[in-house]
PDB file of N, CA and C in Angstrom:
ATOM      1  N   MET A   1       0.775  -1.088  -0.037  1.00  0.00           N
ATOM      2  CA  MET A   1       0.133  -0.181   0.077  1.00  0.00           C
ATOM      3  C   MET A   1       0.939   1.293   0.045  1.00  0.00           C
ATOM      4  N   PRO A   2       0.544   2.329  -0.915  1.00  0.00           N
ATOM      5  CA  PRO A   2       1.382   3.383  -0.720  1.00  0.00           C
ATOM      6  C   PRO A   2       1.146   4.142   0.313  1.00  0.00           C
ATOM      7  N   LYS A   3       2.045   5.115   0.937  1.00  0.00           N
ATOM      8  CA  LYS A   3       2.037   5.668   2.241  1.00  0.00           C
ATOM      9  C   LYS A   3       2.491   7.291   2.045  1.00  0.00           C
ATOM     10  N   VAL A   4       1.750   7.929   2.482  1.00  0.00           N
ATOM     11  CA  VAL A   4       1.810   9.610   2.496  1.00  0.00           C
ATOM     12  C   VAL A   4       2.059  10.068   3.889  1.00  0.00           C
ATOM     13  N   GLN A   5       3.237  10.683   4.243  1.00  0.00           N
ATOM     14  CA  GLN A   5       3.571  11.216   5.588  1.00  0.00           C
ATOM     15  C   GLN A   5       3.748  12.527   5.381  1.00  0.00           C
ATOM     16  N   VAL A   6       2.885  13.227   6.302  1.00  0.00           N
ATOM     17  CA  VAL A   6       3.123  14.861   6.465  1.00  0.00           C
ATOM     18  C   VAL A   6       3.527  15.239   7.620  1.00  0.00           C
ATOM     19  N   PHE A   7       4.608  15.935   7.779  1.00  0.00           N
ATOM     20  CA  PHE A   7       5.179  16.671   8.926  1.00  0.00           C
ATOM     21  C   PHE A   7       4.782  18.058   9.179  1.00  0.00           C
ATOM     22  N   GLU A   8       4.186  18.294   9.818  1.00  0.00           N
ATOM     23  CA  GLU A   8       3.416  19.580  10.062  1.00  0.00           C
ATOM     24  C   GLU A   8       3.970  20.495  11.073  1.00  0.00           C
ATOM     25  N   PRO A   9       3.864  21.912  10.987  1.00  0.00           N
ATOM     26  CA  PRO A   9       4.441  22.814  12.042  1.00  0.00           C
ATOM     27  C   PRO A   9       3.524  22.455  13.409  1.00  0.00           C
ATOM     28  N   ALA A  10       3.713  23.081  14.459  1.00  0.00           N
ATOM     29  CA  ALA A  10       3.029  22.754  15.659  1.00  0.00           C
ATOM     30  C   ALA A  10       1.677  23.519  15.435  1.00  0.00           C
ATOM     31  N   MET A  11       0.730  22.963  15.661  1.00  0.00           N
ATOM     32  CA  MET A  11      -0.767  23.104  15.825  1.00  0.00           C
ATOM     33  C   MET A  11      -1.385  22.828  16.946  1.00  0.00           C
ATOM     34  N   CYS A  12      -2.564  23.616  17.212  1.00  0.00           N
ATOM     35  CA  CYS A  12      -3.495  23.073  18.332  1.00  0.00           C
ATOM     36  C   CYS A  12      -4.078  21.851  18.424  1.00  0.00           C
ATOM     37  N   CYS A  13      -4.301  21.117  17.196  1.00  0.00           N
ATOM     38  CA  CYS A  13      -4.688  19.754  17.273  1.00  0.00           C
ATOM     39  C   CYS A  13      -4.073  18.898  15.997  1.00  0.00           C
ATOM     40  N   SER A  14      -4.253  17.992  15.925  1.00  0.00           N
ATOM     41  CA  SER A  14      -3.544  16.786  15.047  1.00  0.00           C
ATOM     42  C   SER A  14      -3.869  17.669  13.469  1.00  0.00           C
ATOM     43  N   THR A  15      -4.983  18.204  13.100  1.00  0.00           N
ATOM     44  CA  THR A  15      -5.121  18.543  11.736  1.00  0.00           C
ATOM     45  C   THR A  15      -5.208  20.068  11.686  1.00  0.00           C
ATOM     46  N   GLY A  16      -5.023  20.778  12.764  1.00  0.00           N
ATOM     47  CA  GLY A  16      -5.148  22.231  12.639  1.00  0.00           C
ATOM     48  C   GLY A  16      -6.766  22.834  12.224  1.00  0.00           C
ATOM     49  N   VAL A  17      -7.473  21.824  12.145  1.00  0.00           N
ATOM     50  CA  VAL A  17      -8.944  22.277  11.616  1.00  0.00           C
ATOM     51  C   VAL A  17     -10.034  22.414  12.804  1.00  0.00           C
ATOM     52  N   CYS A  18      -9.510  23.595  13.566  1.00  0.00           N
ATOM     53  CA  CYS A  18     -10.065  23.801  14.935  1.00  0.00           C
ATOM     54  C   CYS A  18      -9.812  25.218  15.291  1.00  0.00           C
ATOM     55  N   GLY A  19     -10.805  25.716  16.084  1.00  0.00           N
ATOM     56  CA  GLY A  19     -10.578  27.113  16.593  1.00  0.00           C
ATOM     57  C   GLY A  19     -11.372  28.147  15.926  1.00  0.00           C
ATOM     58  N   PRO A  20     -11.362  29.399  16.178  1.00  0.00           N
ATOM     59  CA  PRO A  20     -12.244  30.337  15.752  1.00  0.00           C
ATOM     60  C   PRO A  20     -11.814  30.762  14.180  1.00  0.00           C
ATOM     61  N   SER A  21     -10.729  30.683  13.852  1.00  0.00           N
ATOM     62  CA  SER A  21     -10.210  31.189  12.408  1.00  0.00           C
ATOM     63  C   SER A  21      -9.269  29.976  11.787  1.00  0.00           C
ATOM     64  N   VAL A  22     -10.200  29.045  11.193  1.00  0.00           N
ATOM     65  CA  VAL A  22      -9.631  28.009  10.419  1.00  0.00           C
ATOM     66  C   VAL A  22      -9.001  28.310   9.234  1.00  0.00           C
ATOM     67  N   ASP A  23      -7.849  27.865   8.856  1.00  0.00           N
ATOM     68  CA  ASP A  23      -7.114  28.181   7.587  1.00  0.00           C
ATOM     69  C   ASP A  23      -7.750  27.171   6.653  1.00  0.00           C
ATOM     70  N   PRO A  24      -8.157  27.906   5.441  1.00  0.00           N
ATOM     71  CA  PRO A  24      -8.804  27.068   4.406  1.00  0.00           C
ATOM     72  C   PRO A  24      -8.057  26.046   3.645  1.00  0.00           C
ATOM     73  N   GLU A  25      -6.739  26.352   3.716  1.00  0.00           N
ATOM     74  CA  GLU A  25      -5.881  25.362   2.995  1.00  0.00           C
ATOM     75  C   GLU A  25      -5.709  24.020   3.965  1.00  0.00           C
ATOM     76  N   LEU A  26      -6.023  24.037   5.207  1.00  0.00           N
ATOM     77  CA  LEU A  26      -5.895  23.077   6.253  1.00  0.00           C
ATOM     78  C   LEU A  26      -7.194  22.320   5.841  1.00  0.00           C
ATOM     79  N   VAL A  27      -8.335  22.999   5.635  1.00  0.00           N
ATOM     80  CA  VAL A  27      -9.420  22.312   5.419  1.00  0.00           C
ATOM     81  C   VAL A  27      -9.435  21.595   4.162  1.00  0.00           C
ATOM     82  N   ARG A  28      -8.767  22.155   3.053  1.00  0.00           N
ATOM     83  CA  ARG A  28      -8.685  21.427   1.881  1.00  0.00           C
ATOM     84  C   ARG A  28      -7.716  20.226   1.707  1.00  0.00           C
ATOM     85  N   PHE A  29      -6.647  20.259   2.578  1.00  0.00           N
ATOM     86  CA  PHE A  29      -5.683  19.248   2.787  1.00  0.00           C
ATOM     87  C   PHE A  29      -6.408  18.192   3.511  1.00  0.00           C
ATOM     88  N   ALA A  30      -7.120  18.225   4.561  1.00  0.00           N
ATOM     89  CA  ALA A  30      -7.849  17.472   5.343  1.00  0.00           C
ATOM     90  C   ALA A  30      -8.752  16.564   4.552  1.00  0.00           C
ATOM     91  N   ALA A  31      -9.710  17.360   3.534  1.00  0.00           N
ATOM     92  CA  ALA A  31     -10.302  16.597   2.519  1.00  0.00           C
ATOM     93  C   ALA A  31      -9.639  15.792   1.870  1.00  0.00           C
ATOM     94  N   ASP A  32      -8.347  16.251   1.333  1.00  0.00           N
ATOM     95  CA  ASP A  32      -7.597  15.436   0.269  1.00  0.00           C
ATOM     96  C   ASP A  32      -6.980  14.183   1.170  1.00  0.00           C
ATOM     97  N   CYS A  33      -6.781  14.400   2.314  1.00  0.00           N
ATOM     98  CA  CYS A  33      -6.250  13.137   3.162  1.00  0.00           C
ATOM     99  C   CYS A  33      -7.171  12.181   3.259  1.00  0.00           C
ATOM    100  N   ASP A  34      -8.383  12.604   3.271  1.00  0.00           N
ATOM    101  CA  ASP A  34      -9.753  11.538   3.386  1.00  0.00           C
ATOM    102  C   ASP A  34      -9.947  11.019   2.118  1.00  0.00           C
ATOM    103  N   TRP A  35      -9.576  11.598   1.076  1.00  0.00           N
ATOM    104  CA  TRP A  35      -9.770  10.989  -0.242  1.00  0.00           C
ATOM    105  C   TRP A  35      -8.884   9.975  -0.415  1.00  0.00           C
ATOM    106  N   LEU A  36      -7.435  10.545  -0.175  1.00  0.00           N
ATOM    107  CA  LEU A  36      -6.438   9.322  -0.155  1.00  0.00           C
ATOM    108  C   LEU A  36      -6.827   8.064   0.586  1.00  0.00           C
ATOM    109  N   THR A  37      -7.031   8.263   1.678  1.00  0.00           N
ATOM    110  CA  THR A  37      -7.432   7.082   2.407  1.00  0.00           C
ATOM    111  C   THR A  37      -8.677   6.307   1.782  1.00  0.00           C
ATOM    112  N   GLU A  38      -9.657   6.756   1.246  1.00  0.00           N
ATOM    113  CA  GLU A  38     -10.727   6.406   0.619  1.00  0.00           C
ATOM    114  C   GLU A  38     -10.229   5.477  -0.496  1.00  0.00           C
ATOM    115  N   ASN A  39      -9.101   5.966  -1.049  1.00  0.00           N
ATOM    116  CA  ASN A  39      -8.440   5.358  -2.472  1.00  0.00           C
ATOM    117  C   ASN A  39      -7.407   4.341  -1.962  1.00  0.00           C
ATOM    118  N   GLY A  40      -7.276   4.030  -0.668  1.00  0.00           N
ATOM    119  CA  GLY A  40      -6.380   2.781  -0.161  1.00  0.00           C
ATOM    120  C   GLY A  40      -4.913   3.280   0.124  1.00  0.00           C
ATOM    121  N   VAL A  41      -4.778   4.553   0.320  1.00  0.00           N
ATOM    122  CA  VAL A  41      -3.394   5.109   0.641  1.00  0.00           C
ATOM    123  C   VAL A  41      -3.407   5.281   2.261  1.00  0.00           C
ATOM    124  N   ILE A  42      -2.153   4.902   2.815  1.00  0.00           N
ATOM    125  CA  ILE A  42      -1.989   5.077   4.187  1.00  0.00           C
ATOM    126  C   ILE A  42      -1.424   6.468   4.324  1.00  0.00           C
ATOM    127  N   VAL A  43      -2.165   7.259   5.157  1.00  0.00           N
ATOM    128  CA  VAL A  43      -1.984   8.607   5.402  1.00  0.00           C
ATOM    129  C   VAL A  43      -1.504   8.882   6.966  1.00  0.00           C
ATOM    130  N   GLU A  44      -0.271   9.422   7.256  1.00  0.00           N
ATOM    131  CA  GLU A  44       0.076   9.877   8.349  1.00  0.00           C
ATOM    132  C   GLU A  44       0.410  11.150   8.449  1.00  0.00           C
ATOM    133  N   ARG A  45      -0.217  11.919   9.598  1.00  0.00           N
ATOM    134  CA  ARG A  45       0.246  13.154   9.705  1.00  0.00           C
ATOM    135  C   ARG A  45       0.864  13.494  11.084  1.00  0.00           C
ATOM    136  N   HIS A  46       1.999  13.973  11.082  1.00  0.00           N
ATOM    137  CA  HIS A  46       2.831  14.199  12.285  1.00  0.00           C
ATOM    138  C   HIS A  46       2.870  15.518  12.486  1.00  0.00           C
ATOM    139  N   ASN A  47       2.239  16.261  13.763  1.00  0.00           N
ATOM    140  CA  ASN A  47       2.166  17.613  14.212  1.00  0.00           C
ATOM    141  C   ASN A  47       3.355  17.769  15.123  1.00  0.00           C
ATOM    142  N   LEU A  48       4.201  18.828  14.992  1.00  0.00           N
ATOM    143  CA  LEU A  48       5.538  19.000  15.894  1.00  0.00           C
ATOM    144  C   LEU A  48       5.358  19.059  17.201  1.00  0.00           C
ATOM    145  N   SER A  49       3.962  19.475  17.465  1.00  0.00           N
ATOM    146  CA  SER A  49       3.849  19.680  19.070  1.00  0.00           C
ATOM    147  C   SER A  49       3.488  18.467  19.699  1.00  0.00           C
ATOM    148  N   ASN A  50       2.703  17.668  18.841  1.00  0.00           N
ATOM    149  CA  ASN A  50       1.936  16.218  19.244  1.00  0.00           C
ATOM    150  C   ASN A  50       2.891  15.015  18.984  1.00  0.00           C
ATOM    151  N   ASP A  51       3.794  15.165  18.111  1.00  0.00           N
ATOM    152  CA  ASP A  51       4.549  13.752  17.460  1.00  0.00           C
ATOM    153  C   ASP A  51       5.937  14.387  17.449  1.00  0.00           C
ATOM    154  N   PRO A  52       6.526  15.052  18.439  1.00  0.00           N
ATOM    155  CA  PRO A  52       8.215  15.364  17.902  1.00  0.00           C
ATOM    156  C   PRO A  52       9.374  14.297  17.722  1.00  0.00           C
ATOM    157  N   LEU A  53       8.817  12.875  18.286  1.00  0.00           N
ATOM    158  CA  LEU A  53       9.574  11.849  17.901  1.00  0.00           C
ATOM    159  C   LEU A  53       9.562  11.515  16.619  1.00  0.00           C
ATOM    160  N   ALA A  54       8.493  11.698  15.800  1.00  0.00           N
ATOM    161  CA  ALA A  54       8.331  11.168  14.435  1.00  0.00           C
ATOM    162  C   ALA A  54       9.241  11.941  13.705  1.00  0.00           C
ATOM    163  N   PHE A  55       9.239  13.482  13.921  1.00  0.00           N
ATOM    164  CA  PHE A  55      10.288  14.245  13.267  1.00  0.00           C
ATOM    165  C   PHE A  55      11.616  13.879  13.605  1.00  0.00           C
ATOM    166  N   ALA A  56      12.112  13.470  14.963  1.00  0.00           N
ATOM    167  CA  ALA A  56      13.553  13.162  15.266  1.00  0.00           C
ATOM    168  C   ALA A  56      13.756  11.780  14.737  1.00  0.00           C
ATOM    169  N   SER A  57      12.836  10.882  14.219  1.00  0.00           N
ATOM    170  CA  SER A  57      13.355   9.450  13.834  1.00  0.00           C
ATOM    171  C   SER A  57      13.415   9.699  12.310  1.00  0.00           C
ATOM    172  N   ASN A  58      12.995  10.599  11.518  1.00  0.00           N
ATOM    173  CA  ASN A  58      13.047  10.452  10.087  1.00  0.00           C
ATOM    174  C   ASN A  58      14.308  11.434   9.679  1.00  0.00           C
ATOM    175  N   PRO A  59      15.249  10.517   9.069  1.00  0.00           N
ATOM    176  CA  PRO A  59      16.644  11.180   8.425  1.00  0.00           C
ATOM    177  C   PRO A  59      16.302  12.555   7.536  1.00  0.00           C
ATOM    178  N   ALA A  60      15.197  12.302   6.577  1.00  0.00           N
ATOM    179  CA  ALA A  60      15.040  13.188   5.496  1.00  0.00           C
ATOM    180  C   ALA A  60      14.471  14.434   6.152  1.00  0.00           C
ATOM    181  N   VAL A  61      13.575  14.235   7.068  1.00  0.00           N
ATOM    182  CA  VAL A  61      13.124  15.424   7.881  1.00  0.00           C
ATOM    183  C   VAL A  61      13.972  16.234   8.472  1.00  0.00           C
ATOM    184  N   GLN A  62      14.833  15.444   9.489  1.00  0.00           N
ATOM    185  CA  GLN A  62      15.947  16.041  10.166  1.00  0.00           C
ATOM    186  C   GLN A  62      17.000  16.805   9.143  1.00  0.00           C
ATOM    187  N   ASP A  63      17.078  16.470   8.105  1.00  0.00           N
ATOM    188  CA  ASP A  63      18.075  17.100   7.175  1.00  0.00           C
ATOM    189  C   ASP A  63      17.451  18.235   6.691  1.00  0.00           C
ATOM    190  N   LEU A  64      16.101  18.204   6.296  1.00  0.00           N
ATOM    191  CA  LEU A  64      15.328  19.335   5.782  1.00  0.00           C
ATOM    192  C   LEU A  64      15.424  20.508   6.664  1.00  0.00           C
ATOM    193  N   LEU A  65      15.065  20.093   8.056  1.00  0.00           N
ATOM    194  CA  LEU A  65      14.869  21.029   9.158  1.00  0.00           C
ATOM    195  C   LEU A  65      16.347  21.578   9.437  1.00  0.00           C
ATOM    196  N   ARG A  66      17.318  20.870   9.467  1.00  0.00           N
ATOM    197  CA  ARG A  66      18.954  21.390   9.909  1.00  0.00           C
ATOM    198  C   ARG A  66      19.189  22.144   8.613  1.00  0.00           C
ATOM    199  N   THR A  67      18.936  22.098   7.423  1.00  0.00           N
ATOM    200  CA  THR A  67      19.449  22.972   6.428  1.00  0.00           C
ATOM    201  C   THR A  67      18.513  24.192   6.056  1.00  0.00           C
ATOM    202  N   LEU A  68      17.102  24.004   6.179  1.00  0.00           N
ATOM    203  CA  LEU A  68      16.370  24.876   5.843  1.00  0.00           C
ATOM    204  C   LEU A  68      15.687  25.576   6.850  1.00  0.00           C
ATOM    205  N   GLY A  69      15.178  24.967   8.155  1.00  0.00           N
ATOM    206  CA  GLY A  69      14.765  25.435   9.174  1.00  0.00           C
ATOM    207  C   GLY A  69      13.254  25.029   9.181  1.00  0.00           C
ATOM    208  N   PRO A  70      12.673  25.745  10.243  1.00  0.00           N
ATOM    209  CA  PRO A  70      11.064  25.450  10.124  1.00  0.00           C
ATOM    210  C   PRO A  70      10.297  25.936   9.040  1.00  0.00           C
ATOM    211  N   MET A  71      10.600  26.846   8.290  1.00  0.00           N
ATOM    212  CA  MET A  71      10.014  27.405   7.036  1.00  0.00           C
ATOM    213  C   MET A  71       9.876  26.181   6.171  1.00  0.00           C
ATOM    214  N   CYS A  72      10.609  25.109   6.298  1.00  0.00           N
ATOM    215  CA  CYS A  72      10.301  23.859   5.240  1.00  0.00           C
ATOM    216  C   CYS A  72       8.978  23.215   5.682  1.00  0.00           C
ATOM    217  N   LEU A  73       8.495  23.327   6.737  1.00  0.00           N
ATOM    218  CA  LEU A  73       7.196  22.854   7.200  1.00  0.00           C
ATOM    219  C   LEU A  73       5.921  23.416   6.400  1.00  0.00           C
ATOM    220  N   PRO A  74       5.021  22.601   6.128  1.00  0.00           N
ATOM    221  CA  PRO A  74       4.887  21.269   6.178  1.00  0.00           C
ATOM    222  C   PRO A  74       5.865  20.280   5.086  1.00  0.00           C
ATOM    223  N   ILE A  75       6.398  19.092   5.409  1.00  0.00           N
ATOM    224  CA  ILE A  75       6.948  18.403   4.602  1.00  0.00           C
ATOM    225  C   ILE A  75       6.117  17.119   4.315  1.00  0.00           C
ATOM    226  N   THR A  76       6.055  16.945   2.887  1.00  0.00           N
ATOM    227  CA  THR A  76       5.280  15.692   2.334  1.00  0.00           C
ATOM    228  C   THR A  76       6.040  14.634   1.814  1.00  0.00           C
ATOM    229  N   LEU A  77       5.943  13.428   2.504  1.00  0.00           N
ATOM    230  CA  LEU A  77       6.665  12.300   1.851  1.00  0.00           C
ATOM    231  C   LEU A  77       5.735  11.339   1.286  1.00  0.00           C
ATOM    232  N   VAL A  78       6.177  10.923  -0.142  1.00  0.00           N
ATOM    233  CA  VAL A  78       5.463   9.926  -0.700  1.00  0.00           C
ATOM    234  C   VAL A  78       6.291   8.630  -0.655  1.00  0.00           C
ATOM    235  N   ASP A  79       5.902   7.740   0.059  1.00  0.00           N
ATOM    236  CA  ASP A  79       6.821   6.384   0.124  1.00  0.00           C
ATOM    237  C   ASP A  79       8.027   6.490   0.516  1.00  0.00           C
ATOM    238  N   GLY A  80       8.435   7.446   1.357  1.00  0.00           N
ATOM    239  CA  GLY A  80       9.556   7.744   2.039  1.00  0.00           C
ATOM    240  C   GLY A  80      10.398   9.035   1.128  1.00  0.00           C
ATOM    241  N   LYS A  81       9.669   9.368   0.025  1.00  0.00           N
ATOM    242  CA  LYS A  81      10.590  10.392  -0.677  1.00  0.00           C
ATOM    243  C   LYS A  81       9.900  11.694  -0.662  1.00  0.00           C
ATOM    244  N   VAL A  82      10.837  12.860  -0.595  1.00  0.00           N
ATOM    245  CA  VAL A  82      10.048  14.221  -0.390  1.00  0.00           C
ATOM    246  C   VAL A  82       9.228  14.694  -1.709  1.00  0.00           C
ATOM    247  N   LEU A  83       7.884  14.912  -1.609  1.00  0.00           N
ATOM    248  CA  LEU A  83       7.280  15.243  -2.560  1.00  0.00           C
ATOM    249  C   LEU A  83       7.314  16.896  -2.654  1.00  0.00           C
ATOM    250  N   CYS A  84       7.181  17.647  -1.362  1.00  0.00           N
ATOM    251  CA  CYS A  84       7.150  18.928  -1.342  1.00  0.00           C
ATOM    252  C   CYS A  84       7.439  19.460  -0.035  1.00  0.00           C
ATOM    253  N   THR A  85       7.941  20.490   0.014  1.00  0.00           N
ATOM    254  CA  THR A  85       8.178  21.225   1.305  1.00  0.00           C
ATOM    255  C   THR A  85       7.518  22.738   1.207  1.00  0.00           C
ATOM    256  N   GLY A  86       7.204  23.213   2.634  1.00  0.00           N
ATOM    257  CA  GLY A  86       6.838  24.637   2.692  1.00  0.00           C
ATOM    258  C   GLY A  86       5.484  24.738   2.284  1.00  0.00           C
ATOM    259  N   LEU A  87       4.537  23.925   1.813  1.00  0.00           N
ATOM    260  CA  LEU A  87       3.290  23.999   1.379  1.00  0.00           C
ATOM    261  C   LEU A  87       2.587  22.507   1.334  1.00  0.00           C
ATOM    262  N   TYR A  88       1.279  22.632   1.575  1.00  0.00           N
ATOM    263  CA  TYR A  88       0.554  21.352   1.241  1.00  0.00           C
ATOM    264  C   TYR A  88       0.248  21.028  -0.186  1.00  0.00           C
ATOM    265  N   PRO A  89       0.619  19.820  -0.633  1.00  0.00           N
ATOM    266  CA  PRO A  89       0.245  19.460  -1.970  1.00  0.00           C
ATOM    267  C   PRO A  89      -0.984  19.500  -2.344  1.00  0.00           C
ATOM    268  N   SER A  90      -1.332  19.637  -3.803  1.00  0.00           N
ATOM    269  CA  SER A  90      -2.901  19.812  -4.168  1.00  0.00           C
ATOM    270  C   SER A  90      -3.126  18.094  -4.303  1.00  0.00           C
ATOM    271  N   ARG A  91      -4.507  18.043  -4.556  1.00  0.00           N
ATOM    272  CA  ARG A  91      -5.048  16.741  -4.647  1.00  0.00           C
ATOM    273  C   ARG A  91      -4.153  15.962  -6.064  1.00  0.00           C
ATOM    274  N   ALA A  92      -4.235  16.879  -7.065  1.00  0.00           N
ATOM    275  CA  ALA A  92      -3.781  16.583  -8.343  1.00  0.00           C
ATOM    276  C   ALA A  92      -2.288  16.227  -8.287  1.00  0.00           C
ATOM    277  N   GLN A  93      -1.524  17.050  -7.345  1.00  0.00           N
ATOM    278  CA  GLN A  93      -0.138  16.450  -7.182  1.00  0.00           C
ATOM    279  C   GLN A  93       0.044  15.051  -6.439  1.00  0.00           C
ATOM    280  N   LEU A  94      -0.783  14.791  -5.570  1.00  0.00           N
ATOM    281  CA  LEU A  94      -0.805  13.719  -4.863  1.00  0.00           C
ATOM    282  C   LEU A  94      -1.379  12.592  -5.737  1.00  0.00           C
ATOM    283  N   ALA A  95      -2.200  12.730  -6.434  1.00  0.00           N
ATOM    284  CA  ALA A  95      -2.852  11.793  -7.365  1.00  0.00           C
ATOM    285  C   ALA A  95      -1.785  11.332  -8.397  1.00  0.00           C
ATOM    286  N   GLU A  96      -0.860  12.337  -8.879  1.00  0.00           N
ATOM    287  CA  GLU A  96      -0.243  12.118  -9.988  1.00  0.00           C
ATOM    288  C   GLU A  96       1.023  11.149  -9.548  1.00  0.00           C
ATOM    289  N   LYS A  97       1.479  11.600  -8.244  1.00  0.00           N
ATOM    290  CA  LYS A  97       2.367  10.897  -7.714  1.00  0.00           C
ATOM    291  C   LYS A  97       2.074   9.303  -7.276  1.00  0.00           C
ATOM    292  N   LEU A  98       0.917   9.296  -7.027  1.00  0.00           N
ATOM    293  CA  LEU A  98       0.547   7.978  -6.594  1.00  0.00           C
ATOM    294  C   LEU A  98      -0.222   7.227  -7.637  1.00  0.00           C
ATOM    295  N   GLY A  99      -0.469   7.673  -8.659  1.00  0.00           N
ATOM    296  CA  GLY A  99      -0.872   6.952  -9.721  1.00  0.00           C
ATOM    297  C   GLY A  99      -2.634   6.898  -9.704  1.00  0.00           C
ATOM    298  N   LEU A 100      -3.308   7.792  -9.157  1.00  0.00           N
ATOM    299  CA  LEU A 100      -4.621   7.840  -8.746  1.00  0.00           C
ATOM    300  C   LEU A 100      -5.190   8.530  -9.845  1.00  0.00           C
ATOM    301  N   ARG A 101      -6.569   8.384  -9.991  1.00  0.00           N
ATOM    302  CA  ARG A 101      -7.286   9.155 -10.976  1.00  0.00           C
ATOM    303  C   ARG A 101      -7.995  10.370  -9.962  1.00  0.00           C
ATOM    304  N   VAL A 102      -8.049  11.690 -10.370  1.00  0.00           N
ATOM    305  CA  VAL A 102      -8.999  12.575  -9.826  1.00  0.00           C
ATOM    306  C   VAL A 102     -10.351  12.416 -10.468  1.00  0.00           C
ATOM    307  N   GLY A 103     -11.231  12.000  -9.929  1.00  0.00           N
ATOM    308  CA  GLY A 103     -12.541  12.296 -10.400  1.00  0.00           C
ATOM    309  C   GLY A 103     -13.164  13.648 -10.254  1.00  0.00           C
ATOM    310  N   PRO A 104     -14.465  13.752 -10.798  1.00  0.00           N
ATOM    311  CA  PRO A 104     -15.386  14.959 -10.403  1.00  0.00           C
ATOM    312  C   PRO A 104     -15.504  14.999  -9.093  1.00  0.00           C
ATOM    313  N   ALA A 105     -15.482  16.388  -8.604  1.00  0.00           N
ATOM    314  CA  ALA A 105     -15.915  16.628  -7.339  1.00  0.00           C
ATOM    315  C   ALA A 105     -17.196  16.051  -6.898  1.00  0.00           C
ATOM    316  N   ARG A 106     -17.567  15.720  -5.745  1.00  0.00           N
ATOM    317  CA  ARG A 106     -19.006  15.306  -5.193  1.00  0.00           C
ATOM    318  C   ARG A 106     -19.713  16.562  -4.918  1.00  0.00           C
ATOM    319  N   SER A 107     -20.855  16.569  -5.075  1.00  0.00           N
ATOM    320  CA  SER A 107     -21.770  17.768  -4.754  1.00  0.00           C
ATOM    321  C   SER A 107     -22.177  17.574  -3.241  1.00  0.00           C
ATOM    322  N   VAL A 108     -22.140  18.411  -2.423  1.00  0.00           N
ATOM    323  CA  VAL A 108     -22.899  18.311  -1.022  1.00  0.00           C
ATOM    324  C   VAL A 108     -24.057  18.991  -1.007  1.00  0.00           C
ATOM    325  N   ARG A 109     -25.163  18.356  -0.663  1.00  0.00           N
ATOM    326  CA  ARG A 109     -26.338  18.935  -0.497  1.00  0.00           C
ATOM    327  C   ARG A 109     -26.900  19.208   1.068  1.00  0.00           C
ATOM    328  N   SER A 110     -27.399  20.038   1.282  1.00  0.00           N
ATOM    329  CA  SER A 110     -27.959  20.408   2.610  1.00  0.00           C
ATOM    330  C   SER A 110     -29.497  20.727   2.564  1.00  0.00           C
ATOM    331  N   CYS A 111     -30.016  20.485   3.909  1.00  0.00           N
ATOM    332  CA  CYS A 111     -31.586  20.563   3.946  1.00  0.00           C
ATOM    333  C   CYS A 111     -31.859  22.283   3.999  1.00  0.00           C
TER     334      CYS A 111
END
């Protein structure tokens, strides 16, 4: 199974999608992570404040933090290889890297 690991800056919760002013980029990425999971991809999100051991135990992440500093966060790895740093990848970028097809967006209806 393919695996996506995301090493994120310190946030108040595991996804950052909480509190009075939610970053729309985090909402988008959370939905993309759900989509990946639905498509059989293992997704691991590591928040610096909640999971510092994951950062310390990954040589690629350690090297990026040492050379670029915290501005390189978030770091996204696909099957252990760096996909991007400093921003969250788009669904299209993730799909391309993982060989997945991006279908049409689902409509959400409310009463």
